[in-house]
């Protein structure tokens, strides 16, 4: 939970799931959905979409070398799969669109967060998916 003051009004932001936040302000609770990598983040709130770099800078710290870890990409909100653009075994580059969702009458491209190989695809064109539903696994 994070407490901030916005225009002299206290605001409390609570993470309630992957990419889902409850924002409490002026006695009202609102849900905000957030998707995308740092630096190119999409936020869906009150029927509107906002895009930008919303993350606070993090301190630089050395990182251990990574092995071949699997990363799962999940639906950020209830949506319909419009088009799956990759198949297992495909190589993708950071920023490549790999799946397109439709939510709230808007298209939401889901992009590869890093160079990777598609390990598995867990959805098909036309599927209805719920938040946190795993769509694609990358290695």
N, C-alpha and C. Protein backbone atom coordinates (compact mmCIF):
# COMPACT_ATOMS: atom_id res chain seq x y z
N UNK A 1 0.85 -1.17 0.00
CA UNK A 1 0.00 0.00 0.00
C UNK A 1 0.89 1.23 0.00
N UNK A 2 0.50 2.23 -0.80
CA UNK A 2 1.24 3.47 -0.90
C UNK A 2 0.27 4.61 -0.61
N UNK A 3 0.69 5.52 0.25
CA UNK A 3 -0.12 6.70 0.56
C UNK A 3 0.58 7.93 -0.03
N UNK A 4 -0.17 8.70 -0.81
CA UNK A 4 0.36 9.93 -1.39
C UNK A 4 -0.69 11.02 -1.23
N UNK A 5 -0.29 12.25 -1.48
CA UNK A 5 -1.23 13.36 -1.47
C UNK A 5 -1.25 13.94 -2.87
N UNK A 6 -2.43 14.07 -3.43
CA UNK A 6 -2.61 14.58 -4.78
C UNK A 6 -3.57 15.76 -4.70
N UNK A 7 -3.08 16.95 -5.01
CA UNK A 7 -3.89 18.17 -4.95
C UNK A 7 -4.58 18.29 -3.60
N UNK A 8 -3.79 18.15 -2.53
CA UNK A 8 -4.26 18.29 -1.14
C UNK A 8 -5.27 17.23 -0.72
N UNK A 9 -5.39 16.13 -1.46
CA UNK A 9 -6.28 15.03 -1.10
C UNK A 9 -5.45 13.77 -0.91
N UNK A 10 -5.63 13.07 0.22
CA UNK A 10 -4.89 11.82 0.40
C UNK A 10 -5.38 10.75 -0.59
N UNK A 11 -4.42 10.01 -1.12
CA UNK A 11 -4.72 8.93 -2.06
C UNK A 11 -4.00 7.68 -1.56
N UNK A 12 -4.70 6.55 -1.51
CA UNK A 12 -4.10 5.28 -1.10
C UNK A 12 -4.18 4.33 -2.28
N UNK A 13 -3.03 3.79 -2.68
CA UNK A 13 -2.96 2.85 -3.80
C UNK A 13 -2.57 1.49 -3.23
N UNK A 14 -3.41 0.47 -3.49
CA UNK A 14 -3.17 -0.87 -2.99
C UNK A 14 -3.14 -1.84 -4.16
N UNK A 15 -2.06 -2.63 -4.26
CA UNK A 15 -1.98 -3.67 -5.30
C UNK A 15 -2.88 -4.82 -4.89
N UNK A 16 -3.83 -5.19 -5.76
CA UNK A 16 -4.73 -6.29 -5.44
C UNK A 16 -4.54 -7.49 -6.36
N UNK A 17 -3.62 -7.38 -7.29
CA UNK A 17 -3.29 -8.49 -8.20
C UNK A 17 -2.24 -8.01 -9.18
N UNK A 18 -1.76 -8.93 -10.04
CA UNK A 18 -0.79 -8.55 -11.06
C UNK A 18 -1.43 -7.54 -12.00
N UNK A 19 -0.92 -6.32 -11.99
CA UNK A 19 -1.42 -5.28 -12.88
C UNK A 19 -2.76 -4.69 -12.47
N UNK A 20 -3.25 -4.97 -11.26
CA UNK A 20 -4.55 -4.46 -10.81
C UNK A 20 -4.35 -3.73 -9.48
N UNK A 21 -4.82 -2.49 -9.43
CA UNK A 21 -4.64 -1.66 -8.24
C UNK A 21 -5.96 -1.01 -7.84
N UNK A 22 -6.17 -0.89 -6.52
CA UNK A 22 -7.33 -0.17 -5.99
C UNK A 22 -6.81 1.20 -5.56
N UNK A 23 -7.46 2.25 -6.07
CA UNK A 23 -7.08 3.61 -5.72
C UNK A 23 -8.21 4.20 -4.89
N UNK A 24 -7.90 4.57 -3.65
CA UNK A 24 -8.88 5.16 -2.75
C UNK A 24 -8.62 6.65 -2.68
N UNK A 25 -9.62 7.44 -3.08
CA UNK A 25 -9.47 8.89 -3.02
C UNK A 25 -10.84 9.52 -2.81
N UNK A 26 -10.87 10.50 -1.97
CA UNK A 26 -12.09 11.26 -1.67
C UNK A 26 -13.26 10.32 -1.34
N UNK A 27 -12.99 9.28 -0.57
CA UNK A 27 -14.04 8.36 -0.15
C UNK A 27 -14.51 7.38 -1.20
N UNK A 28 -13.88 7.36 -2.38
CA UNK A 28 -14.27 6.44 -3.45
C UNK A 28 -13.15 5.46 -3.73
N UNK A 29 -13.54 4.23 -4.09
CA UNK A 29 -12.58 3.21 -4.52
C UNK A 29 -12.71 3.04 -6.02
N UNK A 30 -11.58 3.06 -6.72
CA UNK A 30 -11.58 2.86 -8.16
C UNK A 30 -10.52 1.83 -8.49
N UNK A 31 -10.75 1.07 -9.55
CA UNK A 31 -9.80 0.05 -9.99
C UNK A 31 -9.03 0.59 -11.19
N UNK A 32 -7.72 0.42 -11.16
CA UNK A 32 -6.84 0.83 -12.25
C UNK A 32 -6.08 -0.41 -12.71
N UNK A 33 -6.10 -0.68 -14.02
CA UNK A 33 -5.36 -1.80 -14.60
C UNK A 33 -4.10 -1.25 -15.26
N UNK A 34 -2.97 -1.91 -15.04
CA UNK A 34 -1.70 -1.45 -15.56
C UNK A 34 -1.02 -2.61 -16.29
N UNK A 35 -0.47 -2.32 -17.48
CA UNK A 35 0.21 -3.35 -18.27
C UNK A 35 1.41 -2.73 -18.97
N UNK A 36 2.34 -3.57 -19.36
CA UNK A 36 3.48 -3.12 -20.14
C UNK A 36 4.75 -3.04 -19.32
N UNK A 37 5.87 -2.93 -20.03
CA UNK A 37 7.17 -2.87 -19.35
C UNK A 37 7.44 -1.47 -18.81
N UNK A 38 8.37 -1.34 -17.87
CA UNK A 38 8.74 0.00 -17.39
C UNK A 38 9.18 0.87 -18.56
N UNK A 39 8.76 2.11 -18.55
CA UNK A 39 9.12 3.02 -19.63
C UNK A 39 8.09 3.06 -20.74
N UNK A 40 7.22 2.08 -20.82
CA UNK A 40 6.15 2.05 -21.82
C UNK A 40 4.94 1.39 -21.19
N UNK A 41 4.41 2.02 -20.17
CA UNK A 41 3.34 1.45 -19.37
C UNK A 41 1.99 1.96 -19.85
N UNK A 42 1.00 1.08 -19.82
CA UNK A 42 -0.37 1.42 -20.19
C UNK A 42 -1.21 1.32 -18.92
N UNK A 43 -1.98 2.35 -18.63
CA UNK A 43 -2.88 2.34 -17.47
C UNK A 43 -4.30 2.55 -17.98
N UNK A 44 -5.23 1.71 -17.51
CA UNK A 44 -6.64 1.81 -17.89
C UNK A 44 -7.42 2.22 -16.65
N UNK A 45 -8.10 3.38 -16.71
CA UNK A 45 -8.83 3.89 -15.57
C UNK A 45 -10.03 4.67 -16.06
N UNK A 46 -11.18 4.38 -15.46
CA UNK A 46 -12.39 5.14 -15.71
C UNK A 46 -12.71 5.22 -17.20
N UNK A 47 -12.51 4.13 -17.92
CA UNK A 47 -12.83 4.08 -19.35
C UNK A 47 -11.82 4.76 -20.25
N UNK A 48 -10.70 5.19 -19.70
CA UNK A 48 -9.68 5.87 -20.49
C UNK A 48 -8.36 5.12 -20.39
N UNK A 49 -7.54 5.31 -21.42
CA UNK A 49 -6.23 4.67 -21.44
C UNK A 49 -5.16 5.75 -21.38
N UNK A 50 -4.14 5.51 -20.55
CA UNK A 50 -3.02 6.42 -20.42
C UNK A 50 -1.75 5.62 -20.71
N UNK A 51 -0.81 6.24 -21.42
CA UNK A 51 0.42 5.53 -21.76
C UNK A 51 1.60 6.42 -21.41
N UNK A 52 2.60 5.84 -20.80
CA UNK A 52 3.79 6.62 -20.47
C UNK A 52 4.72 5.85 -19.56
N UNK A 53 5.64 6.58 -18.97
CA UNK A 53 6.59 6.00 -18.02
C UNK A 53 6.18 6.47 -16.64
N UNK A 54 5.49 5.60 -15.88
CA UNK A 54 4.95 5.97 -14.58
C UNK A 54 5.80 5.47 -13.42
N UNK A 55 6.77 4.65 -13.68
CA UNK A 55 7.55 4.01 -12.60
C UNK A 55 8.56 4.99 -12.03
N UNK A 56 8.73 4.93 -10.73
CA UNK A 56 9.77 5.72 -10.08
C UNK A 56 11.12 5.08 -10.39
N UNK A 57 12.15 5.87 -10.53
CA UNK A 57 13.46 5.27 -10.81
C UNK A 57 13.91 4.39 -9.65
N UNK A 58 14.51 3.27 -9.98
CA UNK A 58 14.99 2.36 -8.94
C UNK A 58 16.49 2.51 -8.82
N UNK A 59 17.02 2.30 -7.62
CA UNK A 59 18.46 2.43 -7.44
C UNK A 59 19.19 1.35 -8.24
N UNK A 60 20.33 1.72 -8.79
CA UNK A 60 21.12 0.74 -9.54
C UNK A 60 21.80 -0.20 -8.56
N UNK A 61 21.66 -1.48 -8.82
CA UNK A 61 22.34 -2.46 -7.99
C UNK A 61 22.78 -3.61 -8.88
N UNK A 62 23.89 -4.20 -8.55
CA UNK A 62 24.39 -5.30 -9.39
C UNK A 62 23.41 -6.46 -9.37
N UNK A 63 23.31 -7.10 -10.51
CA UNK A 63 22.41 -8.25 -10.62
C UNK A 63 23.21 -9.50 -10.95
N UNK A 64 22.73 -10.60 -10.43
CA UNK A 64 23.36 -11.88 -10.71
C UNK A 64 23.01 -12.30 -12.14
N UNK A 65 23.89 -13.02 -12.81
CA UNK A 65 23.55 -13.49 -14.15
C UNK A 65 22.33 -14.40 -14.09
N UNK A 66 21.50 -14.29 -15.09
CA UNK A 66 20.27 -15.09 -15.12
C UNK A 66 20.42 -16.31 -16.00
N UNK A 67 19.75 -17.37 -15.58
CA UNK A 67 19.70 -18.57 -16.40
C UNK A 67 18.53 -18.46 -17.36
N UNK A 68 18.12 -19.56 -17.91
CA UNK A 68 16.99 -19.54 -18.83
C UNK A 68 15.71 -19.69 -18.03
N UNK A 69 15.22 -18.61 -17.53
CA UNK A 69 13.99 -18.62 -16.73
C UNK A 69 12.79 -18.42 -17.66
N UNK A 70 11.67 -19.02 -17.28
CA UNK A 70 10.45 -18.85 -18.03
C UNK A 70 9.71 -17.64 -17.50
N UNK A 71 9.23 -16.79 -18.40
CA UNK A 71 8.44 -15.63 -18.03
C UNK A 71 7.07 -15.80 -18.65
N UNK A 72 6.04 -15.69 -17.82
CA UNK A 72 4.67 -15.82 -18.32
C UNK A 72 4.07 -14.44 -18.51
N UNK A 73 3.44 -14.24 -19.66
CA UNK A 73 2.72 -13.00 -19.92
C UNK A 73 1.24 -13.27 -19.68
N UNK A 74 0.61 -12.43 -18.87
CA UNK A 74 -0.78 -12.66 -18.47
C UNK A 74 -1.66 -11.50 -18.92
N UNK A 75 -2.94 -11.78 -19.01
CA UNK A 75 -3.92 -10.76 -19.37
C UNK A 75 -4.01 -9.75 -18.22
N UNK A 76 -3.92 -8.44 -18.53
CA UNK A 76 -3.99 -7.44 -17.48
C UNK A 76 -5.41 -7.14 -17.01
N UNK A 77 -6.41 -7.56 -17.79
CA UNK A 77 -7.80 -7.28 -17.47
C UNK A 77 -8.68 -8.24 -18.27
N UNK A 78 -9.98 -8.29 -17.99
CA UNK A 78 -10.84 -9.13 -18.82
C UNK A 78 -10.75 -8.65 -20.27
N UNK A 79 -10.57 -9.58 -21.19
CA UNK A 79 -10.37 -9.20 -22.59
C UNK A 79 -10.72 -10.36 -23.51
N UNK A 80 -10.74 -10.06 -24.81
CA UNK A 80 -10.91 -11.07 -25.84
C UNK A 80 -9.63 -11.08 -26.67
N UNK A 81 -9.14 -12.28 -26.98
CA UNK A 81 -7.94 -12.41 -27.80
C UNK A 81 -8.34 -12.16 -29.25
N UNK A 82 -7.77 -11.12 -29.83
CA UNK A 82 -8.07 -10.81 -31.23
C UNK A 82 -7.17 -11.63 -32.15
N UNK A 83 -5.85 -11.62 -31.84
CA UNK A 83 -4.91 -12.30 -32.72
C UNK A 83 -3.66 -12.72 -31.95
N UNK A 84 -3.30 -13.99 -32.06
CA UNK A 84 -2.03 -14.49 -31.53
C UNK A 84 -1.05 -14.45 -32.69
N UNK A 85 0.04 -13.72 -32.52
CA UNK A 85 0.97 -13.47 -33.62
C UNK A 85 2.22 -14.35 -33.61
N UNK A 86 2.32 -15.27 -32.63
CA UNK A 86 3.50 -16.13 -32.51
C UNK A 86 3.08 -17.58 -32.29
N UNK A 87 4.04 -18.47 -32.50
CA UNK A 87 3.85 -19.89 -32.25
C UNK A 87 4.99 -20.37 -31.38
N UNK A 88 4.80 -21.50 -30.67
CA UNK A 88 5.91 -22.02 -29.87
C UNK A 88 7.16 -22.22 -30.73
N UNK A 89 8.30 -21.83 -30.18
CA UNK A 89 9.57 -21.94 -30.90
C UNK A 89 9.98 -20.67 -31.61
N UNK A 90 9.06 -19.72 -31.76
CA UNK A 90 9.38 -18.47 -32.45
C UNK A 90 10.31 -17.63 -31.59
N UNK A 91 11.21 -16.92 -32.25
CA UNK A 91 12.11 -15.99 -31.57
C UNK A 91 11.51 -14.60 -31.68
N UNK A 92 11.46 -13.88 -30.55
CA UNK A 92 10.92 -12.53 -30.55
C UNK A 92 11.95 -11.56 -29.99
N UNK A 93 11.89 -10.34 -30.44
CA UNK A 93 12.78 -9.27 -29.96
C UNK A 93 12.00 -8.39 -28.99
N UNK A 94 12.71 -7.75 -28.10
CA UNK A 94 12.08 -6.83 -27.15
C UNK A 94 11.23 -5.81 -27.91
N UNK A 95 9.98 -5.66 -27.49
CA UNK A 95 9.07 -4.70 -28.11
C UNK A 95 8.21 -5.27 -29.23
N UNK A 96 8.51 -6.49 -29.70
CA UNK A 96 7.67 -7.11 -30.73
C UNK A 96 6.27 -7.36 -30.17
N UNK A 97 5.25 -7.05 -30.96
CA UNK A 97 3.88 -7.38 -30.56
C UNK A 97 3.70 -8.87 -30.75
N UNK A 98 3.26 -9.58 -29.69
CA UNK A 98 3.12 -11.03 -29.80
C UNK A 98 1.67 -11.49 -29.69
N UNK A 99 0.81 -10.62 -29.16
CA UNK A 99 -0.61 -10.96 -29.06
C UNK A 99 -1.39 -9.65 -28.99
N UNK A 100 -2.58 -9.63 -29.56
CA UNK A 100 -3.42 -8.44 -29.49
C UNK A 100 -4.72 -8.81 -28.78
N UNK A 101 -5.03 -8.05 -27.73
CA UNK A 101 -6.26 -8.24 -26.97
C UNK A 101 -7.21 -7.09 -27.26
N UNK A 102 -8.50 -7.32 -27.00
CA UNK A 102 -9.48 -6.26 -27.07
C UNK A 102 -10.15 -6.16 -25.71
N UNK A 103 -10.12 -4.95 -25.14
CA UNK A 103 -10.75 -4.71 -23.85
C UNK A 103 -11.35 -3.31 -23.87
N UNK A 104 -12.55 -3.18 -23.39
CA UNK A 104 -13.22 -1.89 -23.34
C UNK A 104 -13.23 -1.22 -24.72
N UNK A 105 -13.46 -2.00 -25.77
CA UNK A 105 -13.53 -1.53 -27.16
C UNK A 105 -12.22 -0.90 -27.65
N UNK A 106 -11.11 -1.29 -27.01
CA UNK A 106 -9.79 -0.82 -27.43
C UNK A 106 -8.89 -2.02 -27.67
N UNK A 107 -8.00 -1.89 -28.63
CA UNK A 107 -7.01 -2.94 -28.86
C UNK A 107 -5.83 -2.71 -27.93
N UNK A 108 -5.36 -3.79 -27.33
CA UNK A 108 -4.23 -3.74 -26.41
C UNK A 108 -3.15 -4.69 -26.92
N UNK A 109 -2.09 -4.14 -27.55
CA UNK A 109 -1.01 -5.01 -27.99
C UNK A 109 -0.16 -5.44 -26.80
N UNK A 110 0.10 -6.72 -26.68
CA UNK A 110 0.99 -7.23 -25.64
C UNK A 110 2.34 -7.47 -26.32
N UNK A 111 3.36 -6.82 -25.79
CA UNK A 111 4.68 -6.85 -26.42
C UNK A 111 5.67 -7.68 -25.62
N UNK A 112 6.66 -8.20 -26.30
CA UNK A 112 7.71 -8.97 -25.65
C UNK A 112 8.52 -8.03 -24.76
N UNK A 113 8.71 -8.38 -23.47
CA UNK A 113 9.46 -7.52 -22.56
C UNK A 113 10.97 -7.59 -22.77
N UNK A 114 11.42 -8.61 -23.51
CA UNK A 114 12.85 -8.79 -23.76
C UNK A 114 13.01 -9.76 -24.93
N UNK A 115 14.22 -9.87 -25.46
CA UNK A 115 14.50 -10.88 -26.48
C UNK A 115 14.25 -12.24 -25.85
N UNK A 116 13.52 -13.11 -26.55
CA UNK A 116 13.16 -14.40 -25.96
C UNK A 116 12.72 -15.37 -27.04
N UNK A 117 12.44 -16.59 -26.59
CA UNK A 117 11.85 -17.62 -27.44
C UNK A 117 10.51 -17.99 -26.83
N UNK A 118 9.51 -18.15 -27.69
CA UNK A 118 8.17 -18.52 -27.23
C UNK A 118 8.20 -19.99 -26.82
N UNK A 119 7.93 -20.26 -25.54
CA UNK A 119 7.93 -21.64 -25.04
C UNK A 119 6.56 -22.28 -25.20
N UNK A 120 5.49 -21.51 -24.97
CA UNK A 120 4.14 -22.07 -25.07
C UNK A 120 3.14 -20.95 -25.30
N UNK A 121 2.07 -21.27 -26.01
CA UNK A 121 0.95 -20.35 -26.22
C UNK A 121 -0.27 -21.01 -25.59
N UNK A 122 -0.92 -20.31 -24.65
CA UNK A 122 -2.02 -20.88 -23.88
C UNK A 122 -3.39 -20.33 -24.28
N UNK A 123 -3.50 -19.69 -25.44
CA UNK A 123 -4.78 -19.13 -25.86
C UNK A 123 -4.88 -19.18 -27.38
N UNK A 124 -6.10 -18.92 -27.86
CA UNK A 124 -6.36 -18.92 -29.31
C UNK A 124 -7.14 -17.66 -29.66
N UNK A 125 -7.15 -17.32 -30.94
CA UNK A 125 -7.94 -16.19 -31.41
C UNK A 125 -9.40 -16.39 -30.98
N UNK A 126 -10.00 -15.35 -30.44
CA UNK A 126 -11.40 -15.40 -30.04
C UNK A 126 -11.63 -15.81 -28.59
N UNK A 127 -10.61 -16.30 -27.90
CA UNK A 127 -10.78 -16.68 -26.49
C UNK A 127 -11.11 -15.47 -25.63
N UNK A 128 -11.98 -15.67 -24.65
CA UNK A 128 -12.23 -14.67 -23.63
C UNK A 128 -11.34 -15.02 -22.45
N UNK A 129 -10.57 -14.04 -21.96
CA UNK A 129 -9.63 -14.31 -20.87
C UNK A 129 -9.90 -13.36 -19.70
N UNK A 130 -9.60 -13.85 -18.52
CA UNK A 130 -9.78 -13.08 -17.30
C UNK A 130 -8.42 -12.53 -16.85
N UNK A 131 -8.42 -11.53 -15.96
CA UNK A 131 -7.15 -11.00 -15.47
C UNK A 131 -6.29 -12.11 -14.88
N UNK A 132 -5.00 -12.00 -15.10
CA UNK A 132 -3.99 -12.94 -14.60
C UNK A 132 -4.01 -14.29 -15.31
N UNK A 133 -4.79 -14.43 -16.37
CA UNK A 133 -4.77 -15.67 -17.16
C UNK A 133 -3.47 -15.67 -17.97
N UNK A 134 -2.69 -16.75 -17.83
CA UNK A 134 -1.44 -16.85 -18.57
C UNK A 134 -1.76 -17.02 -20.05
N UNK A 135 -1.16 -16.16 -20.87
CA UNK A 135 -1.38 -16.19 -22.32
C UNK A 135 -0.22 -16.86 -23.05
N UNK A 136 1.00 -16.46 -22.70
CA UNK A 136 2.18 -16.93 -23.42
C UNK A 136 3.34 -17.09 -22.43
N UNK A 137 4.12 -18.15 -22.60
CA UNK A 137 5.34 -18.35 -21.81
C UNK A 137 6.54 -18.08 -22.72
N UNK A 138 7.50 -17.30 -22.19
CA UNK A 138 8.72 -17.00 -22.91
C UNK A 138 9.93 -17.51 -22.12
N UNK A 139 10.98 -17.91 -22.84
CA UNK A 139 12.26 -18.27 -22.19
C UNK A 139 13.37 -17.50 -22.84
